[in-house]
Amino acid sequence: MYPHLPLRTAMAVAEERIRQMHSGESNEVEDLATDTRDGIGWTGSGSRIDVTPLEHARVQVEALAATSRDLDGTATAPDQDMVEGEAAAFVYSAVVGTGIEPSALDDPGFWRYVALAHVWNFAAWREPRAFAPVMVEGGTIAASRNLGAYVDGRKPDECVPLRMYLRVRCLGGVAHAHLASAVRQGTDFWRSHILRVVAGEHPPIVRALVRRQAAEATRLNRDPLREFAKQLNRTLVNLAPAMLDDAAADDLVGELWERQST
């Protein structure tokens, strides 16, 4: 059995947290358990998964964020996406460490639970605009309309803990997690060219892409990268990409990459 947060419950908690963060002295929520505990349901059969690894991951990812913010909570990291990539290894390992069944990872309710009960403070650091309170009619404080995308578990390329988990899974697991933080200024690279496309389902191809984009000598700018992505997607239609090993994937990516580098 795994923990699950209903959408309405999760967003009600999120709204209240935004109001508390606005009225308090800190941009962090110290207690992520009390306001979620009553809303958590357990789905599946058998014994409950061990969420201890997720509790440990919270400490690790918050520590990374803490080294990259001013006293007022403002992010100071020169590259927040690289920090997210480093933190992604902790989140991936924690999710795997719970013993959760792979099929449960398709349930947005599980990711809502992870987002609110474990990754909230890191997500607020990573996406400060979405977590900033807004003033609505009558002077009431409310959450941004964009907040849901980062915590409701329904958009794999937006929900913070889910996209972190997927970043490492797309690379092939923890053995390759060092590549998750290898690309500078990589927000669009990961969301547009890995998480949203077919190529992202094939770790050897992803690794070949990341290695090239991470190296300054072979890095592509936005427009050439988009053209490369179009060519790669067209090419994969006529291949069985799941059959490619690292050498074959590297040859394929290298050939298409070279066309955009010249």
Protein backbone atom coordinates (compact mmCIF):
# COMPACT_ATOMS: atom_id res chain seq x y z
CA MET A 1 0.00 0.00 0.00
CA TYR A 2 1.21 3.50 -0.79
CA PRO A 3 0.17 6.98 0.42
CA HIS A 4 -2.18 9.00 -1.72
CA LEU A 5 -3.49 12.56 -1.45
CA PRO A 6 -6.76 13.49 -3.22
CA LEU A 7 -6.48 16.51 -5.49
CA ARG A 8 -8.96 18.68 -3.58
CA THR A 9 -7.29 17.94 -0.26
CA ALA A 10 -3.81 18.61 -1.61
CA MET A 11 -4.74 21.95 -3.13
CA ALA A 12 -6.56 23.04 0.02
CA VAL A 13 -3.41 22.33 2.04
CA ALA A 14 -1.30 24.12 -0.56
CA GLU A 15 -3.53 27.21 -0.46
CA GLU A 16 -3.35 27.39 3.32
CA ARG A 17 0.42 26.99 3.28
CA ILE A 18 0.78 29.88 0.86
CA ARG A 19 -1.22 32.07 3.24
CA GLN A 20 0.92 30.96 6.19
CA MET A 21 4.14 31.60 4.29
CA HIS A 22 2.92 35.11 3.45
CA SER A 23 2.04 35.96 7.02
CA GLY A 24 5.12 34.36 8.60
CA GLU A 25 8.78 35.26 8.70
CA SER A 26 10.02 32.33 6.66
CA ASN A 27 9.45 31.04 3.14
CA GLU A 28 9.65 27.49 4.49
CA VAL A 29 7.03 25.32 6.15
CA GLU A 30 8.67 23.55 9.08
CA ASP A 31 5.95 20.97 9.68
CA LEU A 32 4.99 19.15 6.49
CA ALA A 33 3.24 16.31 8.27
CA THR A 34 0.43 17.68 10.41
CA ASP A 35 -1.67 19.36 7.74
CA THR A 36 -1.37 16.41 5.35
CA ARG A 37 -1.78 13.54 7.81
CA ASP A 38 -5.58 13.46 7.97
CA GLY A 39 -5.95 13.69 4.21
CA ILE A 40 -3.61 10.84 3.32
CA GLY A 41 -5.22 7.62 2.17
CA TRP A 42 -3.47 4.32 1.54
CA THR A 43 -4.01 2.65 -1.81
CA GLY A 44 -3.30 -0.92 -2.86
CA SER A 45 -2.99 -4.10 -0.85
CA GLY A 46 -0.54 -5.69 1.53
CA SER A 47 1.73 -3.85 3.94
CA ARG A 48 2.39 -0.13 3.74
CA ILE A 49 5.53 1.06 2.01
CA ASP A 50 8.33 2.51 4.11
CA VAL A 51 8.34 6.30 3.66
CA THR A 52 11.49 6.77 5.75
CA PRO A 53 13.67 7.18 2.62
CA LEU A 54 11.44 10.10 1.57
CA GLU A 55 11.90 11.72 4.96
CA HIS A 56 15.67 11.43 4.53
CA ALA A 57 15.43 12.85 1.01
CA ARG A 58 13.61 15.89 2.37
CA VAL A 59 16.57 16.69 4.61
CA GLN A 60 19.02 16.23 1.75
CA VAL A 61 17.22 18.35 -0.85
CA GLU A 62 16.45 21.11 1.64
CA ALA A 63 20.12 21.20 2.58
CA LEU A 64 21.03 21.71 -1.07
CA ALA A 65 18.55 24.57 -1.35
CA ALA A 66 19.79 26.09 1.92
CA THR A 67 23.29 26.49 0.52
CA SER A 68 21.85 28.44 -2.40
CA ARG A 69 19.67 31.12 -0.78
CA ASP A 70 20.04 34.42 0.99
CA LEU A 71 18.84 35.00 4.54
CA ASP A 72 15.49 36.20 3.16
CA GLY A 73 15.02 32.93 1.28
CA THR A 74 15.86 34.31 -2.16
CA ALA A 75 17.54 31.81 -4.42
CA THR A 76 21.16 32.69 -5.14
CA ALA A 77 22.36 29.61 -6.97
CA PRO A 78 23.86 30.60 -10.32
CA ASP A 79 22.07 27.63 -11.87
CA GLN A 80 19.02 26.33 -10.04
CA ASP A 81 18.41 23.61 -12.58
CA MET A 82 21.80 22.06 -11.87
CA VAL A 83 20.88 22.05 -8.17
CA GLU A 84 17.61 20.35 -9.08
CA GLY A 85 19.56 17.76 -11.01
CA GLU A 86 21.75 17.04 -8.01
CA ALA A 87 18.70 16.82 -5.76
CA ALA A 88 16.97 14.54 -8.26
CA ALA A 89 19.35 11.72 -7.32
CA PHE A 90 18.12 11.87 -3.71
CA VAL A 91 14.46 11.87 -4.74
CA TYR A 92 14.91 8.99 -7.18
CA SER A 93 16.79 6.87 -4.67
CA ALA A 94 14.19 7.61 -2.00
CA VAL A 95 11.24 6.63 -4.18
CA VAL A 96 12.94 3.40 -5.18
CA GLY A 97 13.89 2.80 -1.56
CA THR A 98 10.28 2.86 -0.41
CA GLY A 99 9.64 -0.38 -2.25
CA ILE A 100 6.66 1.09 -4.08
CA GLU A 101 5.32 -0.92 -7.01
CA PRO A 102 6.21 0.61 -10.40
CA SER A 103 2.54 0.74 -11.41
CA ALA A 104 1.81 3.06 -8.49
CA LEU A 105 4.16 5.66 -9.93
CA ASP A 106 1.49 6.47 -12.50
CA ASP A 107 -0.84 7.69 -9.74
CA PRO A 108 -0.80 11.51 -9.43
CA GLY A 109 -2.06 11.09 -5.87
CA PHE A 110 1.25 9.55 -4.82
CA TRP A 111 3.20 12.44 -6.30
CA ARG A 112 0.86 14.92 -4.60
CA TYR A 113 1.78 13.21 -1.35
CA VAL A 114 5.52 13.44 -2.10
CA ALA A 115 5.20 17.08 -3.19
CA LEU A 116 3.37 18.24 -0.07
CA ALA A 117 4.77 15.93 2.59
CA HIS A 118 8.43 15.88 1.55
CA VAL A 119 9.48 18.19 -1.29
CA TRP A 120 7.38 21.31 -0.63
CA ASN A 121 10.19 23.52 0.66
CA PHE A 122 12.58 22.55 -2.10
CA ALA A 123 9.87 23.11 -4.71
CA ALA A 124 9.13 26.55 -3.25
CA TRP A 125 12.82 27.42 -3.57
CA ARG A 126 12.99 26.05 -7.10
CA GLU A 127 9.78 27.68 -8.39
CA PRO A 128 9.47 30.90 -6.34
CA ARG A 129 7.05 32.64 -8.71
CA ALA A 130 4.54 29.82 -8.59
CA PHE A 131 4.77 29.61 -4.79
CA ALA A 132 4.49 33.37 -4.27
CA PRO A 133 1.13 34.52 -2.84
CA VAL A 134 -1.17 36.66 -4.96
CA MET A 135 -3.67 39.29 -3.87
CA VAL A 136 -7.21 38.65 -5.04
CA GLU A 137 -10.42 40.69 -4.83
CA GLY A 138 -11.07 42.01 -1.36
CA GLY A 139 -7.42 41.89 -0.36
CA THR A 140 -7.44 38.14 0.27
CA ILE A 141 -4.20 36.19 -0.10
CA ALA A 142 -4.40 33.19 -2.39
CA ALA A 143 -2.12 30.81 -4.25
CA SER A 144 -0.98 31.44 -7.80
CA ARG A 145 -3.01 29.78 -10.53
CA ASN A 146 0.23 28.12 -11.66
CA LEU A 147 0.93 26.43 -8.34
CA GLY A 148 -1.05 23.29 -9.09
CA ALA A 149 1.17 22.26 -11.98
CA TYR A 150 4.13 21.96 -9.62
CA VAL A 151 2.43 19.93 -6.88
CA ASP A 152 -0.67 18.15 -8.21
CA GLY A 153 1.15 15.29 -9.94
CA ARG A 154 -0.70 15.54 -13.22
CA LYS A 155 2.05 17.01 -15.42
CA PRO A 156 5.20 14.86 -15.40
CA ASP A 157 7.36 17.63 -16.83
CA GLU A 158 6.15 20.21 -14.27
CA CYS A 159 5.36 18.50 -10.94
CA VAL A 160 8.62 19.01 -9.06
CA PRO A 161 9.20 15.62 -7.38
CA LEU A 162 7.90 13.70 -10.38
CA ARG A 163 10.10 15.48 -12.90
CA MET A 164 13.08 14.99 -10.56
CA TYR A 165 12.40 11.27 -10.35
CA LEU A 166 11.93 11.01 -14.11
CA ARG A 167 15.14 12.91 -14.83
CA VAL A 168 17.17 10.14 -13.23
CA ARG A 169 14.98 7.34 -14.58
CA CYS A 170 15.39 8.69 -18.11
CA LEU A 171 19.14 8.44 -17.63
CA GLY A 172 18.86 4.79 -16.62
CA GLY A 173 18.88 5.00 -12.84
CA VAL A 174 21.15 5.95 -9.99
CA ALA A 175 24.32 4.67 -11.70
CA HIS A 176 23.98 7.56 -14.15
CA ALA A 177 22.53 10.14 -11.75
CA HIS A 178 25.66 12.30 -12.00
CA LEU A 179 24.50 13.29 -15.47
CA ALA A 180 21.28 14.77 -14.04
CA SER A 181 23.19 17.90 -13.03
CA ALA A 182 25.66 18.01 -15.90
CA VAL A 183 23.92 20.48 -18.23
CA ARG A 184 24.16 24.16 -17.34
CA GLN A 185 21.01 26.25 -17.72
CA GLY A 186 19.20 23.04 -18.60
CA THR A 187 15.59 23.74 -17.68
CA ASP A 188 14.31 23.82 -21.26
CA PHE A 189 16.65 21.02 -22.30
CA TRP A 190 15.20 18.58 -19.77
CA ARG A 191 11.55 19.58 -20.09
CA SER A 192 11.35 20.03 -23.86
CA HIS A 193 13.90 17.55 -25.17
CA ILE A 194 13.83 14.74 -22.61
CA LEU A 195 10.67 14.58 -20.50
CA ARG A 196 8.17 15.52 -23.20
CA VAL A 197 9.44 13.40 -26.09
CA VAL A 198 9.82 9.77 -27.13
CA ALA A 199 13.61 9.97 -26.97
CA GLY A 200 13.35 10.41 -23.21
CA GLU A 201 12.05 6.86 -22.89
CA HIS A 202 15.40 5.40 -23.98
CA PRO A 203 18.27 5.87 -21.50
CA PRO A 204 21.17 5.26 -23.93
CA ILE A 205 19.85 8.04 -26.17
CA VAL A 206 19.29 10.35 -23.21
CA ARG A 207 22.82 9.76 -21.95
CA ALA A 208 24.25 10.53 -25.38
CA LEU A 209 22.23 13.75 -25.54
CA VAL A 210 23.23 14.87 -22.06
CA ARG A 211 26.93 14.24 -22.58
CA ARG A 212 26.97 16.40 -25.69
CA GLN A 213 24.88 19.22 -24.26
CA ALA A 214 26.96 19.22 -21.07
CA ALA A 215 30.26 19.71 -22.92
CA GLU A 216 30.91 23.31 -23.91
CA ALA A 217 32.69 22.19 -27.07
CA THR A 218 29.59 20.40 -28.40
CA ARG A 219 26.76 22.29 -26.70
CA LEU A 220 23.97 23.46 -29.02
CA ASN A 221 22.11 26.75 -28.71
CA ARG A 222 18.32 26.83 -28.60
CA ASP A 223 17.44 26.83 -32.30
CA PRO A 224 19.98 24.20 -33.42
CA LEU A 225 18.93 22.03 -30.48
CA ARG A 226 15.29 22.25 -31.48
CA GLU A 227 16.15 21.32 -35.06
CA PHE A 228 18.21 18.39 -33.82
CA ALA A 229 15.27 17.23 -31.69
CA LYS A 230 12.96 17.32 -34.72
CA GLN A 231 15.38 15.25 -36.77
CA LEU A 232 15.88 12.77 -33.95
CA ASN A 233 12.16 12.28 -33.47
CA ARG A 234 11.67 11.69 -37.19
CA THR A 235 14.54 9.21 -37.21
CA LEU A 236 13.23 7.25 -34.24
CA VAL A 237 9.96 6.57 -36.06
CA ASN A 238 11.85 4.28 -38.43
CA LEU A 239 13.96 2.56 -35.75
CA ALA A 240 13.51 0.29 -32.76
CA PRO A 241 15.20 2.64 -30.27
CA ALA A 242 14.78 0.20 -27.38
CA MET A 243 17.28 -2.06 -29.16
CA LEU A 244 20.05 0.55 -29.20
CA ASP A 245 22.92 0.10 -26.78
CA ASP A 246 25.14 3.00 -25.68
CA ALA A 247 27.49 2.70 -28.64
CA ALA A 248 24.69 2.61 -31.22
CA ALA A 249 22.81 5.43 -29.51
CA ASP A 250 25.94 7.53 -29.37
CA ASP A 251 26.57 6.99 -33.09
CA LEU A 252 23.00 7.94 -33.95
CA VAL A 253 22.95 11.05 -31.77
CA GLY A 254 26.45 12.01 -32.89
CA GLU A 255 25.56 11.91 -36.58
CA LEU A 256 22.46 14.09 -36.16
CA TRP A 257 24.21 16.39 -33.69
CA GLU A 258 27.07 17.02 -36.08
CA ARG A 259 24.64 18.38 -38.69
CA GLN A 260 23.67 21.15 -36.29
CA SER A 261 27.21 21.86 -35.13
CA THR A 262 28.58 22.79 -38.53
